N, C-alpha and C. Protein backbone atom coordinates (compact mmCIF):
# COMPACT_ATOMS: atom_id res chain seq x y z
N MET A 1 0.82 -1.19 0.00
CA MET A 1 0.00 0.00 0.00
C MET A 1 0.87 1.25 0.00
N SER A 2 1.96 1.25 0.73
CA SER A 2 2.80 2.44 0.78
C SER A 2 3.40 2.74 -0.59
N ASP A 3 3.65 1.68 -1.39
CA ASP A 3 4.17 1.91 -2.74
C ASP A 3 3.16 2.68 -3.58
N VAL A 4 1.89 2.34 -3.41
CA VAL A 4 0.83 3.01 -4.17
C VAL A 4 0.74 4.48 -3.74
N ILE A 5 0.75 4.72 -2.45
CA ILE A 5 0.66 6.09 -1.93
C ILE A 5 1.86 6.91 -2.40
N GLU A 6 3.04 6.35 -2.31
CA GLU A 6 4.25 7.06 -2.75
C GLU A 6 4.17 7.37 -4.24
N PHE A 7 3.65 6.41 -5.04
CA PHE A 7 3.54 6.65 -6.47
C PHE A 7 2.52 7.76 -6.75
N LEU A 8 1.39 7.74 -6.04
CA LEU A 8 0.38 8.78 -6.23
C LEU A 8 0.93 10.16 -5.86
N GLU A 9 1.74 10.22 -4.81
CA GLU A 9 2.38 11.49 -4.44
C GLU A 9 3.30 11.95 -5.56
N LYS A 10 4.07 11.02 -6.11
CA LYS A 10 4.98 11.35 -7.21
C LYS A 10 4.19 11.80 -8.43
N LEU A 11 3.10 11.09 -8.73
CA LEU A 11 2.26 11.42 -9.88
C LEU A 11 1.65 12.82 -9.72
N GLY A 12 1.24 13.15 -8.51
CA GLY A 12 0.64 14.46 -8.26
C GLY A 12 1.63 15.60 -8.26
N SER A 13 2.88 15.31 -7.93
CA SER A 13 3.87 16.38 -7.86
C SER A 13 4.68 16.55 -9.14
N ASP A 14 4.59 15.61 -10.05
CA ASP A 14 5.35 15.67 -11.30
C ASP A 14 4.39 15.87 -12.47
N ALA A 15 4.28 17.09 -12.95
CA ALA A 15 3.34 17.41 -14.03
C ALA A 15 3.65 16.63 -15.30
N ARG A 16 4.92 16.42 -15.59
CA ARG A 16 5.28 15.66 -16.79
C ARG A 16 4.76 14.23 -16.71
N LEU A 17 4.93 13.62 -15.54
CA LEU A 17 4.47 12.25 -15.37
C LEU A 17 2.95 12.19 -15.40
N PHE A 18 2.30 13.16 -14.78
CA PHE A 18 0.84 13.19 -14.74
C PHE A 18 0.25 13.29 -16.14
N GLN A 19 0.90 14.04 -17.02
CA GLN A 19 0.40 14.24 -18.38
C GLN A 19 1.07 13.31 -19.39
N ALA A 20 1.90 12.40 -18.92
CA ALA A 20 2.64 11.50 -19.81
C ALA A 20 1.72 10.47 -20.45
N ALA A 21 2.24 9.85 -21.48
CA ALA A 21 1.50 8.79 -22.17
C ALA A 21 1.31 7.61 -21.22
N ARG A 22 0.31 6.81 -21.52
CA ARG A 22 -0.02 5.65 -20.69
C ARG A 22 1.17 4.71 -20.51
N GLU A 23 1.94 4.53 -21.56
CA GLU A 23 3.10 3.62 -21.51
C GLU A 23 4.16 4.14 -20.54
N THR A 24 4.35 5.45 -20.52
CA THR A 24 5.33 6.06 -19.62
C THR A 24 4.89 5.88 -18.17
N VAL A 25 3.62 6.07 -17.92
CA VAL A 25 3.09 5.89 -16.56
C VAL A 25 3.20 4.42 -16.17
N ALA A 26 2.93 3.52 -17.10
CA ALA A 26 3.04 2.09 -16.82
C ALA A 26 4.47 1.72 -16.44
N LEU A 27 5.45 2.28 -17.13
CA LEU A 27 6.86 2.03 -16.79
C LEU A 27 7.20 2.58 -15.41
N ALA A 28 6.68 3.75 -15.10
CA ALA A 28 6.92 4.33 -13.78
C ALA A 28 6.27 3.49 -12.69
N LEU A 29 5.09 2.94 -12.96
CA LEU A 29 4.43 2.04 -12.00
C LEU A 29 5.27 0.80 -11.76
N ALA A 30 5.82 0.24 -12.82
CA ALA A 30 6.67 -0.94 -12.69
C ALA A 30 7.93 -0.61 -11.88
N ASP A 31 8.53 0.54 -12.15
CA ASP A 31 9.72 0.95 -11.41
C ASP A 31 9.42 1.15 -9.92
N ALA A 32 8.21 1.61 -9.62
CA ALA A 32 7.82 1.84 -8.23
C ALA A 32 7.34 0.57 -7.55
N GLN A 33 7.27 -0.53 -8.29
CA GLN A 33 6.85 -1.84 -7.79
C GLN A 33 5.45 -1.79 -7.17
N VAL A 34 4.54 -1.11 -7.88
CA VAL A 34 3.14 -1.03 -7.47
C VAL A 34 2.45 -2.32 -7.91
N GLU A 35 1.58 -2.86 -7.05
CA GLU A 35 0.85 -4.09 -7.36
C GLU A 35 0.10 -3.93 -8.68
N ALA A 36 -0.09 -5.03 -9.38
CA ALA A 36 -0.71 -5.00 -10.70
C ALA A 36 -2.14 -4.45 -10.66
N ALA A 37 -2.94 -4.89 -9.71
CA ALA A 37 -4.34 -4.44 -9.64
C ALA A 37 -4.40 -2.93 -9.39
N ALA A 38 -3.58 -2.44 -8.48
CA ALA A 38 -3.56 -1.01 -8.19
C ALA A 38 -3.02 -0.24 -9.40
N GLY A 39 -2.02 -0.78 -10.06
CA GLY A 39 -1.47 -0.14 -11.25
C GLY A 39 -2.50 -0.01 -12.36
N GLU A 40 -3.30 -1.06 -12.54
CA GLU A 40 -4.35 -1.01 -13.56
C GLU A 40 -5.39 0.04 -13.21
N ALA A 41 -5.73 0.14 -11.94
CA ALA A 41 -6.71 1.16 -11.50
C ALA A 41 -6.15 2.56 -11.73
N ILE A 42 -4.86 2.74 -11.46
CA ILE A 42 -4.24 4.05 -11.68
C ILE A 42 -4.21 4.39 -13.16
N LEU A 43 -3.83 3.44 -13.98
CA LEU A 43 -3.79 3.68 -15.42
C LEU A 43 -5.18 3.98 -15.98
N ALA A 44 -6.19 3.30 -15.44
CA ALA A 44 -7.56 3.52 -15.90
C ALA A 44 -8.19 4.75 -15.26
N ARG A 45 -7.47 5.35 -14.29
CA ARG A 45 -7.98 6.49 -13.52
C ARG A 45 -9.31 6.15 -12.86
N ASN A 46 -9.39 4.93 -12.35
CA ASN A 46 -10.59 4.43 -11.70
C ASN A 46 -10.45 4.64 -10.19
N VAL A 47 -10.97 5.74 -9.71
CA VAL A 47 -10.83 6.14 -8.31
C VAL A 47 -11.54 5.14 -7.39
N GLU A 48 -12.75 4.74 -7.77
CA GLU A 48 -13.53 3.83 -6.93
C GLU A 48 -12.80 2.50 -6.73
N GLU A 49 -12.24 1.96 -7.79
CA GLU A 49 -11.52 0.69 -7.68
C GLU A 49 -10.27 0.85 -6.82
N LEU A 50 -9.56 1.94 -6.99
CA LEU A 50 -8.36 2.18 -6.19
C LEU A 50 -8.71 2.35 -4.72
N GLN A 51 -9.79 3.04 -4.44
CA GLN A 51 -10.24 3.19 -3.05
C GLN A 51 -10.59 1.83 -2.45
N ALA A 52 -11.24 0.99 -3.23
CA ALA A 52 -11.60 -0.35 -2.75
C ALA A 52 -10.35 -1.19 -2.49
N LEU A 53 -9.38 -1.11 -3.36
CA LEU A 53 -8.14 -1.87 -3.18
C LEU A 53 -7.37 -1.41 -1.95
N LEU A 54 -7.39 -0.11 -1.71
CA LEU A 54 -6.66 0.44 -0.57
C LEU A 54 -7.50 0.45 0.71
N LYS A 55 -8.77 0.04 0.58
CA LYS A 55 -9.70 0.03 1.71
C LYS A 55 -9.81 1.42 2.34
N VAL A 56 -10.01 2.41 1.46
CA VAL A 56 -10.13 3.81 1.87
C VAL A 56 -11.51 4.30 1.46
N VAL A 57 -12.15 5.04 2.35
CA VAL A 57 -13.43 5.65 2.03
C VAL A 57 -13.24 7.16 1.94
N PRO A 58 -13.94 7.81 1.02
CA PRO A 58 -13.83 9.26 0.92
C PRO A 58 -14.35 9.92 2.19
N LEU A 59 -13.74 11.02 2.56
CA LEU A 59 -14.13 11.76 3.75
C LEU A 59 -14.76 13.08 3.33
N HIS A 60 -15.96 13.33 3.81
CA HIS A 60 -16.66 14.57 3.50
C HIS A 60 -17.07 15.21 4.82
N CYS A 61 -16.90 16.51 4.89
CA CYS A 61 -17.24 17.24 6.12
C CYS A 61 -17.85 18.58 5.73
N PHE A 62 -18.89 18.98 6.43
CA PHE A 62 -19.51 20.28 6.20
C PHE A 62 -19.42 21.09 7.48
N GLN A 63 -19.03 22.32 7.36
CA GLN A 63 -18.89 23.19 8.53
C GLN A 63 -19.48 24.54 8.18
N SER A 64 -20.26 25.10 9.09
CA SER A 64 -20.78 26.45 8.88
C SER A 64 -20.51 27.28 10.13
N ALA A 65 -20.38 28.56 9.91
CA ALA A 65 -20.08 29.47 11.02
C ALA A 65 -21.38 29.82 11.74
N PRO A 66 -21.37 29.84 13.07
CA PRO A 66 -22.57 30.22 13.82
C PRO A 66 -22.85 31.71 13.65
N LYS A 67 -24.08 32.07 13.89
CA LYS A 67 -24.46 33.49 13.80
C LYS A 67 -23.84 34.26 14.95
N ARG A 68 -23.46 35.48 14.67
CA ARG A 68 -22.93 36.36 15.71
C ARG A 68 -24.08 37.07 16.39
N GLU A 69 -23.82 37.59 17.55
CA GLU A 69 -24.85 38.34 18.26
C GLU A 69 -25.26 39.54 17.43
N GLY A 70 -26.54 39.80 17.35
CA GLY A 70 -27.03 40.95 16.60
C GLY A 70 -27.38 40.62 15.16
N GLU A 71 -26.85 39.53 14.61
CA GLU A 71 -27.15 39.18 13.23
C GLU A 71 -28.62 38.82 13.06
N GLU A 72 -29.18 38.12 14.05
CA GLU A 72 -30.58 37.73 13.96
C GLU A 72 -31.48 38.95 13.90
N GLU A 73 -31.19 39.95 14.72
CA GLU A 73 -31.99 41.16 14.73
C GLU A 73 -31.89 41.89 13.40
N GLU A 74 -30.69 41.96 12.82
CA GLU A 74 -30.50 42.61 11.53
C GLU A 74 -31.28 41.88 10.45
N GLU A 75 -31.24 40.55 10.48
CA GLU A 75 -31.95 39.77 9.47
C GLU A 75 -33.45 39.98 9.57
N GLU A 76 -33.99 40.02 10.80
CA GLU A 76 -35.42 40.23 10.97
C GLU A 76 -35.82 41.59 10.42
N GLN A 77 -34.99 42.60 10.62
CA GLN A 77 -35.30 43.94 10.11
C GLN A 77 -35.24 43.94 8.59
N GLU A 78 -34.29 43.21 8.01
CA GLU A 78 -34.17 43.15 6.55
C GLU A 78 -35.34 42.40 5.94
N GLU A 79 -35.90 41.42 6.65
CA GLU A 79 -37.00 40.61 6.13
C GLU A 79 -38.29 41.39 6.03
N GLU A 80 -38.49 42.38 6.90
CA GLU A 80 -39.72 43.16 6.88
C GLU A 80 -39.68 44.11 5.69
N GLY A 81 -40.77 44.14 4.94
CA GLY A 81 -40.86 44.99 3.77
C GLY A 81 -41.18 46.42 4.15
N GLU A 82 -41.37 47.26 3.15
CA GLU A 82 -41.69 48.65 3.40
C GLU A 82 -43.02 48.80 4.14
N GLU A 83 -43.96 47.89 3.87
CA GLU A 83 -45.27 47.97 4.50
C GLU A 83 -45.35 47.11 5.75
N GLY A 84 -44.24 46.60 6.21
CA GLY A 84 -44.23 45.80 7.41
C GLY A 84 -44.54 44.32 7.16
N GLU A 85 -44.68 43.95 5.89
CA GLU A 85 -44.96 42.55 5.56
C GLU A 85 -43.65 41.77 5.55
N LYS A 86 -43.75 40.51 5.91
CA LYS A 86 -42.57 39.65 5.89
C LYS A 86 -42.25 39.27 4.44
N GLN A 87 -41.00 39.38 4.07
CA GLN A 87 -40.53 38.99 2.75
C GLN A 87 -39.98 37.57 2.83
N PRO A 88 -39.83 36.88 1.69
CA PRO A 88 -39.21 35.55 1.73
C PRO A 88 -37.82 35.65 2.34
N LYS A 89 -37.50 34.67 3.14
CA LYS A 89 -36.22 34.69 3.86
C LYS A 89 -35.05 34.53 2.90
N LYS A 90 -34.06 35.38 3.05
CA LYS A 90 -32.84 35.32 2.26
C LYS A 90 -31.82 34.47 2.99
N PRO A 91 -30.88 33.88 2.26
CA PRO A 91 -29.82 33.14 2.96
C PRO A 91 -29.06 34.08 3.88
N SER A 92 -28.73 33.61 5.06
CA SER A 92 -28.01 34.44 6.02
C SER A 92 -26.57 34.64 5.59
N LYS A 93 -25.94 35.63 6.21
CA LYS A 93 -24.54 35.89 5.93
C LYS A 93 -23.69 34.69 6.30
N SER A 94 -24.08 34.01 7.36
CA SER A 94 -23.29 32.85 7.80
C SER A 94 -23.38 31.73 6.78
N ALA A 95 -24.47 31.66 6.01
CA ALA A 95 -24.57 30.64 4.96
C ALA A 95 -23.53 30.90 3.89
N ASN A 96 -23.26 32.18 3.64
CA ASN A 96 -22.24 32.53 2.66
C ASN A 96 -20.84 32.24 3.18
N GLN A 97 -20.69 32.12 4.48
CA GLN A 97 -19.38 31.88 5.08
C GLN A 97 -19.14 30.40 5.35
N SER A 98 -20.06 29.54 4.94
CA SER A 98 -19.89 28.12 5.22
C SER A 98 -18.72 27.56 4.42
N VAL A 99 -18.15 26.52 4.95
CA VAL A 99 -16.97 25.92 4.37
C VAL A 99 -17.25 24.44 4.12
N VAL A 100 -16.89 23.97 2.96
CA VAL A 100 -17.04 22.55 2.66
C VAL A 100 -15.65 21.97 2.49
N VAL A 101 -15.39 20.89 3.21
CA VAL A 101 -14.11 20.21 3.13
C VAL A 101 -14.37 18.82 2.61
N ALA A 102 -13.72 18.47 1.56
CA ALA A 102 -13.89 17.13 1.00
C ALA A 102 -12.53 16.57 0.65
N ARG A 103 -12.33 15.32 0.97
CA ARG A 103 -11.09 14.67 0.62
C ARG A 103 -11.43 13.43 -0.15
N ALA A 104 -11.00 13.40 -1.38
CA ALA A 104 -11.14 12.22 -2.21
C ALA A 104 -9.87 12.11 -3.00
N ASP A 105 -9.28 10.98 -3.00
CA ASP A 105 -8.02 10.77 -3.73
C ASP A 105 -8.37 10.59 -5.19
N THR A 106 -8.46 11.69 -5.91
CA THR A 106 -8.82 11.65 -7.31
C THR A 106 -7.56 11.69 -8.16
N LEU A 107 -7.70 11.11 -9.31
CA LEU A 107 -6.57 11.08 -10.23
C LEU A 107 -6.84 11.95 -11.44
N ALA A 108 -8.07 12.36 -11.64
CA ALA A 108 -8.39 13.16 -12.82
C ALA A 108 -8.40 14.61 -12.50
């Protein structure tokens, strides 16, 4: 497994190798002594198969910033129309500040 990870690091850091012909990548895989099944998955750019071989699952995380004091009051004032009617709720400022973190070992 460490051979595969080391090769993927090399592939990601070397633009020439990443964009090289399939035969060149195959030679580099052989030089790195990567297992045949993993090498085939890398050559085919089959992320799902490579994840299954390495027994790795993608990690996804969602994080949003909590509202600050006073933001709720400002939003309520913004929601009221000129005639005092409630307008459709707009996304809060904190929704615009949300952060999405995703880790997937992609090859493409």
